[in-house]
Amino acid sequence: MATLSLAAILAENARRRPSKTALVEGGLRLTFGEVWRSALAQAGALTGLGVRPGDHVALMAPNTAEFPHAYYAIAAAGGVVVPVHLLLSAPEVEHVLKDSGATLLLCHPAQEATGAAAARALGVRVVTLGAEFEKLAADAEPLTSYVTRDADDPAVVFYTSGTTGVPKGAVLSHFNLVMNATVNAFDANDIRPDD
């Protein structure tokens, strides 16, 4: 069986163009190398929290710099990312956590009240993105590389909106997501290094 990781997308860009801008948020500009080092440090923190390959880690955060850092940290640690929609109520978040089998919720401070209430009801640990997660990452031994997974292993579980019933998780594999990124970058859009 072939091995692969969604984290390879960021790792390869960090290897090939470490000083190129990867992430922009307002005045914040981070390079591929900086984002990858941060992801490896956070992956070390996740490993220290007991996250093992195949564990589902929920991520409840807006479209801020914290999201891709945590997303790639989960992937680098070999975990399965479970994005949690920000408009869900606590009982709806609870359903996603329970249904996915998430063992940890990484939650942005703006969503902490809702996320923590849902996680507490299930006994799921919550780590707040920002100062708390950064402290754990600073104290942890960073991973030296990403954990490889079988290409067909789950990488992400996206939940449907549930407008016609209970939300259901759609499982996407490492191979599916890496191929999607590759086709998007090189076939559909002809992305070049300066884009």
C-alpha atoms as a PDB file:
ATOM      1  CA  MET A   1       0.000   0.000   0.000  1.00  0.00           C
ATOM      2  CA  ALA A   2       1.330   3.440  -0.912  1.00  0.00           C
ATOM      3  CA  THR A   3       1.886   5.963   1.857  1.00  0.00           C
ATOM      4  CA  LEU A   4       1.032   9.624   1.646  1.00  0.00           C
ATOM      5  CA  SER A   5      -0.022  12.576   3.773  1.00  0.00           C
ATOM      6  CA  LEU A   6      -2.019  15.693   3.105  1.00  0.00           C
ATOM      7  CA  ALA A   7       0.752  17.422   5.085  1.00  0.00           C
ATOM      8  CA  ALA A   8       3.114  16.700   2.162  1.00  0.00           C
ATOM      9  CA  ILE A   9       1.544  19.628   0.280  1.00  0.00           C
ATOM     10  CA  LEU A  10       2.865  22.134   2.814  1.00  0.00           C
ATOM     11  CA  ALA A  11       6.067  20.184   3.541  1.00  0.00           C
ATOM     12  CA  GLU A  12       7.021  20.072  -0.143  1.00  0.00           C
ATOM     13  CA  ASN A  13       6.379  23.791  -0.610  1.00  0.00           C
ATOM     14  CA  ALA A  14       8.451  24.522   2.507  1.00  0.00           C
ATOM     15  CA  ARG A  15      11.274  22.411   1.082  1.00  0.00           C
ATOM     16  CA  ARG A  16      11.155  23.905  -2.417  1.00  0.00           C
ATOM     17  CA  ARG A  17      10.377  27.545  -1.630  1.00  0.00           C
ATOM     18  CA  PRO A  18      10.814  28.143   2.109  1.00  0.00           C
ATOM     19  CA  SER A  19      11.052  31.936   1.849  1.00  0.00           C
ATOM     20  CA  LYS A  20       8.019  32.431  -0.433  1.00  0.00           C
ATOM     21  CA  THR A  21       4.872  33.898   1.109  1.00  0.00           C
ATOM     22  CA  ALA A  22       2.398  31.176   2.003  1.00  0.00           C
ATOM     23  CA  LEU A  23      -0.112  32.891   4.236  1.00  0.00           C
ATOM     24  CA  VAL A  24      -1.469  36.436   4.345  1.00  0.00           C
ATOM     25  CA  GLU A  25      -3.819  37.789   6.995  1.00  0.00           C
ATOM     26  CA  GLY A  26      -4.056  41.564   7.145  1.00  0.00           C
ATOM     27  CA  GLY A  27      -0.505  42.750   7.791  1.00  0.00           C
ATOM     28  CA  LEU A  28       0.684  39.248   8.700  1.00  0.00           C
ATOM     29  CA  ARG A  29       2.866  37.576   6.067  1.00  0.00           C
ATOM     30  CA  LEU A  30       4.244  34.101   6.738  1.00  0.00           C
ATOM     31  CA  THR A  31       6.488  32.021   4.513  1.00  0.00           C
ATOM     32  CA  PHE A  32       6.057  28.354   3.666  1.00  0.00           C
ATOM     33  CA  GLY A  33       9.025  27.593   5.916  1.00  0.00           C
ATOM     34  CA  GLU A  34       7.501  29.487   8.848  1.00  0.00           C
ATOM     35  CA  VAL A  35       4.085  27.860   8.478  1.00  0.00           C
ATOM     36  CA  TRP A  36       5.624  24.390   8.184  1.00  0.00           C
ATOM     37  CA  ARG A  37       7.829  24.888  11.272  1.00  0.00           C
ATOM     38  CA  SER A  38       4.776  26.061  13.190  1.00  0.00           C
ATOM     39  CA  ALA A  39       2.755  23.053  12.009  1.00  0.00           C
ATOM     40  CA  LEU A  40       5.525  20.666  13.113  1.00  0.00           C
ATOM     41  CA  ALA A  41       5.711  22.354  16.538  1.00  0.00           C
ATOM     42  CA  GLN A  42       1.937  22.166  16.933  1.00  0.00           C
ATOM     43  CA  ALA A  43       1.994  18.533  15.738  1.00  0.00           C
ATOM     44  CA  GLY A  44       4.473  17.863  18.538  1.00  0.00           C
ATOM     45  CA  ALA A  45       2.019  19.451  20.977  1.00  0.00           C
ATOM     46  CA  LEU A  46      -0.796  17.281  19.618  1.00  0.00           C
ATOM     47  CA  THR A  47       1.340  14.165  20.022  1.00  0.00           C
ATOM     48  CA  GLY A  48       2.052  15.270  23.597  1.00  0.00           C
ATOM     49  CA  LEU A  49      -1.700  15.572  24.167  1.00  0.00           C
ATOM     50  CA  GLY A  50      -2.084  11.931  23.139  1.00  0.00           C
ATOM     51  CA  VAL A  51      -3.145  12.357  19.507  1.00  0.00           C
ATOM     52  CA  ARG A  52      -2.127   9.253  17.572  1.00  0.00           C
ATOM     53  CA  PRO A  53      -2.311   8.474  13.838  1.00  0.00           C
ATOM     54  CA  GLY A  54      -5.929   8.025  12.831  1.00  0.00           C
ATOM     55  CA  ASP A  55      -7.357   9.963  15.798  1.00  0.00           C
ATOM     56  CA  HIS A  56     -10.039  12.465  14.866  1.00  0.00           C
ATOM     57  CA  VAL A  57      -9.307  16.045  15.948  1.00  0.00           C
ATOM     58  CA  ALA A  58     -12.074  18.624  15.578  1.00  0.00           C
ATOM     59  CA  LEU A  59     -11.094  22.126  14.459  1.00  0.00           C
ATOM     60  CA  MET A  60     -13.482  25.009  15.108  1.00  0.00           C
ATOM     61  CA  ALA A  61     -11.959  28.245  13.859  1.00  0.00           C
ATOM     62  CA  PRO A  62     -12.719  31.061  11.433  1.00  0.00           C
ATOM     63  CA  ASN A  63     -10.671  31.772   8.326  1.00  0.00           C
ATOM     64  CA  THR A  64      -7.683  33.130  10.253  1.00  0.00           C
ATOM     65  CA  ALA A  65      -4.007  32.165  10.373  1.00  0.00           C
ATOM     66  CA  GLU A  66      -4.737  29.753  13.217  1.00  0.00           C
ATOM     67  CA  PHE A  67      -6.848  27.544  10.939  1.00  0.00           C
ATOM     68  CA  PRO A  68      -4.183  26.429   8.404  1.00  0.00           C
ATOM     69  CA  HIS A  69      -1.563  26.121  11.157  1.00  0.00           C
ATOM     70  CA  ALA A  70      -3.789  23.760  13.152  1.00  0.00           C
ATOM     71  CA  TYR A  71      -5.108  21.970  10.044  1.00  0.00           C
ATOM     72  CA  TYR A  72      -1.611  21.049   8.874  1.00  0.00           C
ATOM     73  CA  ALA A  73      -0.506  20.247  12.439  1.00  0.00           C
ATOM     74  CA  ILE A  74      -3.294  17.674  12.726  1.00  0.00           C
ATOM     75  CA  ALA A  75      -2.358  16.209   9.345  1.00  0.00           C
ATOM     76  CA  ALA A  76       1.362  16.182  10.234  1.00  0.00           C
ATOM     77  CA  ALA A  77       0.607  14.293  13.465  1.00  0.00           C
ATOM     78  CA  GLY A  78      -1.291  11.700  11.414  1.00  0.00           C
ATOM     79  CA  GLY A  79      -4.660  12.783  12.752  1.00  0.00           C
ATOM     80  CA  VAL A  80      -7.891  13.224  10.863  1.00  0.00           C
ATOM     81  CA  VAL A  81      -9.134  16.835  10.619  1.00  0.00           C
ATOM     82  CA  VAL A  82     -12.810  17.349  11.461  1.00  0.00           C
ATOM     83  CA  PRO A  83     -13.695  20.972  10.596  1.00  0.00           C
ATOM     84  CA  VAL A  84     -16.637  22.218  12.665  1.00  0.00           C
ATOM     85  CA  HIS A  85     -18.875  24.852  11.095  1.00  0.00           C
ATOM     86  CA  LEU A  86     -18.901  28.088  13.066  1.00  0.00           C
ATOM     87  CA  LEU A  87     -22.663  28.651  12.884  1.00  0.00           C
ATOM     88  CA  LEU A  88     -23.569  25.397  14.629  1.00  0.00           C
ATOM     89  CA  SER A  89     -25.255  25.485  18.025  1.00  0.00           C
ATOM     90  CA  ALA A  90     -23.719  23.606  20.975  1.00  0.00           C
ATOM     91  CA  PRO A  91     -26.027  20.566  20.458  1.00  0.00           C
ATOM     92  CA  GLU A  92     -25.086  20.496  16.755  1.00  0.00           C
ATOM     93  CA  VAL A  93     -21.369  20.711  17.586  1.00  0.00           C
ATOM     94  CA  GLU A  94     -21.933  17.935  20.109  1.00  0.00           C
ATOM     95  CA  HIS A  95     -23.396  15.767  17.325  1.00  0.00           C
ATOM     96  CA  VAL A  96     -20.348  16.347  15.100  1.00  0.00           C
ATOM     97  CA  LEU A  97     -17.933  15.565  17.932  1.00  0.00           C
ATOM     98  CA  LYS A  98     -19.788  12.405  18.943  1.00  0.00           C
ATOM     99  CA  ASP A  99     -20.466  11.161  15.415  1.00  0.00           C
ATOM    100  CA  SER A 100     -16.870  11.707  14.290  1.00  0.00           C
ATOM    101  CA  GLY A 101     -15.347  10.220  17.416  1.00  0.00           C
ATOM    102  CA  ALA A 102     -13.201  13.320  17.938  1.00  0.00           C
ATOM    103  CA  THR A 103     -10.859  12.961  20.894  1.00  0.00           C
ATOM    104  CA  LEU A 104      -9.844  16.632  20.972  1.00  0.00           C
ATOM    105  CA  LEU A 105     -11.341  19.967  19.929  1.00  0.00           C
ATOM    106  CA  LEU A 106      -9.044  22.789  18.853  1.00  0.00           C
ATOM    107  CA  CYS A 107     -11.216  25.866  19.241  1.00  0.00           C
ATOM    108  CA  HIS A 108     -10.732  29.531  18.370  1.00  0.00           C
ATOM    109  CA  PRO A 109     -11.457  31.875  21.305  1.00  0.00           C
ATOM    110  CA  ALA A 110     -14.412  33.394  19.421  1.00  0.00           C
ATOM    111  CA  GLN A 111     -16.107  29.962  19.316  1.00  0.00           C
ATOM    112  CA  GLU A 112     -14.951  28.783  22.730  1.00  0.00           C
ATOM    113  CA  ALA A 113     -18.278  29.127  24.559  1.00  0.00           C
ATOM    114  CA  THR A 114     -20.156  26.979  22.038  1.00  0.00           C
ATOM    115  CA  GLY A 115     -17.338  24.523  21.386  1.00  0.00           C
ATOM    116  CA  ALA A 116     -16.425  24.023  25.035  1.00  0.00           C
ATOM    117  CA  ALA A 117     -20.063  23.442  26.037  1.00  0.00           C
ATOM    118  CA  ALA A 118     -20.404  20.719  23.407  1.00  0.00           C
ATOM    119  CA  ALA A 119     -17.056  19.142  24.256  1.00  0.00           C
ATOM    120  CA  ARG A 120     -17.755  19.159  28.024  1.00  0.00           C
ATOM    121  CA  ALA A 121     -21.032  17.301  27.470  1.00  0.00           C
ATOM    122  CA  LEU A 122     -19.053  14.467  25.843  1.00  0.00           C
ATOM    123  CA  GLY A 123     -15.867  14.578  27.898  1.00  0.00           C
ATOM    124  CA  VAL A 124     -13.829  15.726  24.869  1.00  0.00           C
ATOM    125  CA  ARG A 125     -10.742  17.762  25.704  1.00  0.00           C
ATOM    126  CA  VAL A 126     -10.657  21.378  24.427  1.00  0.00           C
ATOM    127  CA  VAL A 127      -7.510  23.349  23.627  1.00  0.00           C
ATOM    128  CA  THR A 128      -7.943  27.009  22.748  1.00  0.00           C
ATOM    129  CA  LEU A 129      -6.106  28.245  19.684  1.00  0.00           C
ATOM    130  CA  GLY A 130      -3.866  31.222  20.256  1.00  0.00           C
ATOM    131  CA  ALA A 131      -1.960  31.567  23.536  1.00  0.00           C
ATOM    132  CA  GLU A 132      -2.854  28.140  25.001  1.00  0.00           C
ATOM    133  CA  PHE A 133      -2.005  26.107  21.904  1.00  0.00           C
ATOM    134  CA  GLU A 134       1.079  28.221  21.168  1.00  0.00           C
ATOM    135  CA  LYS A 135       2.374  27.591  24.711  1.00  0.00           C
ATOM    136  CA  LEU A 136       1.854  23.839  24.295  1.00  0.00           C
ATOM    137  CA  ALA A 137       3.668  23.989  20.943  1.00  0.00           C
ATOM    138  CA  ALA A 138       6.561  26.004  22.404  1.00  0.00           C
ATOM    139  CA  ASP A 139       6.971  23.450  25.212  1.00  0.00           C
ATOM    140  CA  ALA A 140       6.693  20.399  22.947  1.00  0.00           C
ATOM    141  CA  GLU A 141       9.344  18.628  20.911  1.00  0.00           C
ATOM    142  CA  PRO A 142       8.465  19.456  17.269  1.00  0.00           C
ATOM    143  CA  LEU A 143       8.009  16.555  14.918  1.00  0.00           C
ATOM    144  CA  THR A 144      10.897  16.210  12.474  1.00  0.00           C
ATOM    145  CA  SER A 145       8.524  15.383   9.610  1.00  0.00           C
ATOM    146  CA  TYR A 146       4.927  14.408   9.031  1.00  0.00           C
ATOM    147  CA  VAL A 147       3.548  10.996   9.937  1.00  0.00           C
ATOM    148  CA  THR A 148       2.848   9.062   6.765  1.00  0.00           C
ATOM    149  CA  ARG A 149      -0.488   7.343   6.333  1.00  0.00           C
ATOM    150  CA  ASP A 150      -1.854   4.889   3.798  1.00  0.00           C
ATOM    151  CA  ALA A 151      -3.011   6.850   0.759  1.00  0.00           C
ATOM    152  CA  ASP A 152      -6.595   5.675   1.284  1.00  0.00           C
ATOM    153  CA  ASP A 153      -6.669   6.524   5.009  1.00  0.00           C
ATOM    154  CA  PRO A 154      -9.056   9.302   6.060  1.00  0.00           C
ATOM    155  CA  ALA A 155      -7.493  12.772   6.145  1.00  0.00           C
ATOM    156  CA  VAL A 156     -10.553  14.989   6.657  1.00  0.00           C
ATOM    157  CA  VAL A 157     -14.189  14.414   7.613  1.00  0.00           C
ATOM    158  CA  PHE A 158     -16.478  17.204   6.395  1.00  0.00           C
ATOM    159  CA  TYR A 159     -19.989  17.377   7.793  1.00  0.00           C
ATOM    160  CA  THR A 160     -22.981  18.212   5.624  1.00  0.00           C
ATOM    161  CA  SER A 161     -25.240  21.113   6.555  1.00  0.00           C
ATOM    162  CA  GLY A 162     -27.978  18.801   7.789  1.00  0.00           C
ATOM    163  CA  THR A 163     -30.731  20.935   6.254  1.00  0.00           C
ATOM    164  CA  THR A 164     -32.815  17.841   5.429  1.00  0.00           C
ATOM    165  CA  GLY A 165     -31.754  15.719   8.415  1.00  0.00           C
ATOM    166  CA  VAL A 166     -28.884  15.018  10.755  1.00  0.00           C
ATOM    167  CA  PRO A 167     -25.488  16.142   9.391  1.00  0.00           C
ATOM    168  CA  LYS A 168     -23.400  13.290   8.008  1.00  0.00           C
ATOM    169  CA  GLY A 169     -19.640  13.071   7.740  1.00  0.00           C
ATOM    170  CA  ALA A 170     -18.094  12.846   4.273  1.00  0.00           C
ATOM    171  CA  VAL A 171     -14.698  11.147   4.524  1.00  0.00           C
ATOM    172  CA  LEU A 172     -11.907  12.360   2.233  1.00  0.00           C
ATOM    173  CA  SER A 173      -8.682  10.388   1.927  1.00  0.00           C
ATOM    174  CA  HIS A 174      -5.117  11.673   1.776  1.00  0.00           C
ATOM    175  CA  PHE A 175      -4.920  10.559  -1.859  1.00  0.00           C
ATOM    176  CA  ASN A 176      -8.189  12.327  -2.726  1.00  0.00           C
ATOM    177  CA  LEU A 177      -7.090  15.654  -1.243  1.00  0.00           C
ATOM    178  CA  VAL A 178      -3.511  15.572  -2.569  1.00  0.00           C
ATOM    179  CA  MET A 179      -4.771  14.753  -6.068  1.00  0.00           C
ATOM    180  CA  ASN A 180      -7.412  17.489  -5.816  1.00  0.00           C
ATOM    181  CA  ALA A 181      -4.724  20.050  -4.911  1.00  0.00           C
ATOM    182  CA  THR A 182      -2.398  18.777  -7.638  1.00  0.00           C
ATOM    183  CA  VAL A 183      -5.026  18.855 -10.383  1.00  0.00           C
ATOM    184  CA  ASN A 184      -6.222  22.268  -9.221  1.00  0.00           C
ATOM    185  CA  ALA A 185      -2.711  23.729  -9.180  1.00  0.00           C
ATOM    186  CA  PHE A 186      -1.263  22.226 -12.339  1.00  0.00           C
ATOM    187  CA  ASP A 187      -4.112  21.212 -14.642  1.00  0.00           C
ATOM    188  CA  ALA A 188      -7.125  23.379 -13.918  1.00  0.00           C
ATOM    189  CA  ASN A 189      -5.379  26.666 -13.110  1.00  0.00           C
ATOM    190  CA  ASP A 190      -1.765  26.436 -14.328  1.00  0.00           C
ATOM    191  CA  ILE A 191      -0.463  27.936 -11.075  1.00  0.00           C
ATOM    192  CA  ARG A 192       3.128  29.172 -11.224  1.00  0.00           C
ATOM    193  CA  PRO A 193       5.639  29.877  -8.423  1.00  0.00           C
ATOM    194  CA  ASP A 194       5.028  33.638  -8.470  1.00  0.00           C
ATOM    195  CA  ASP A 195       1.226  33.343  -8.211  1.00  0.00           C
END
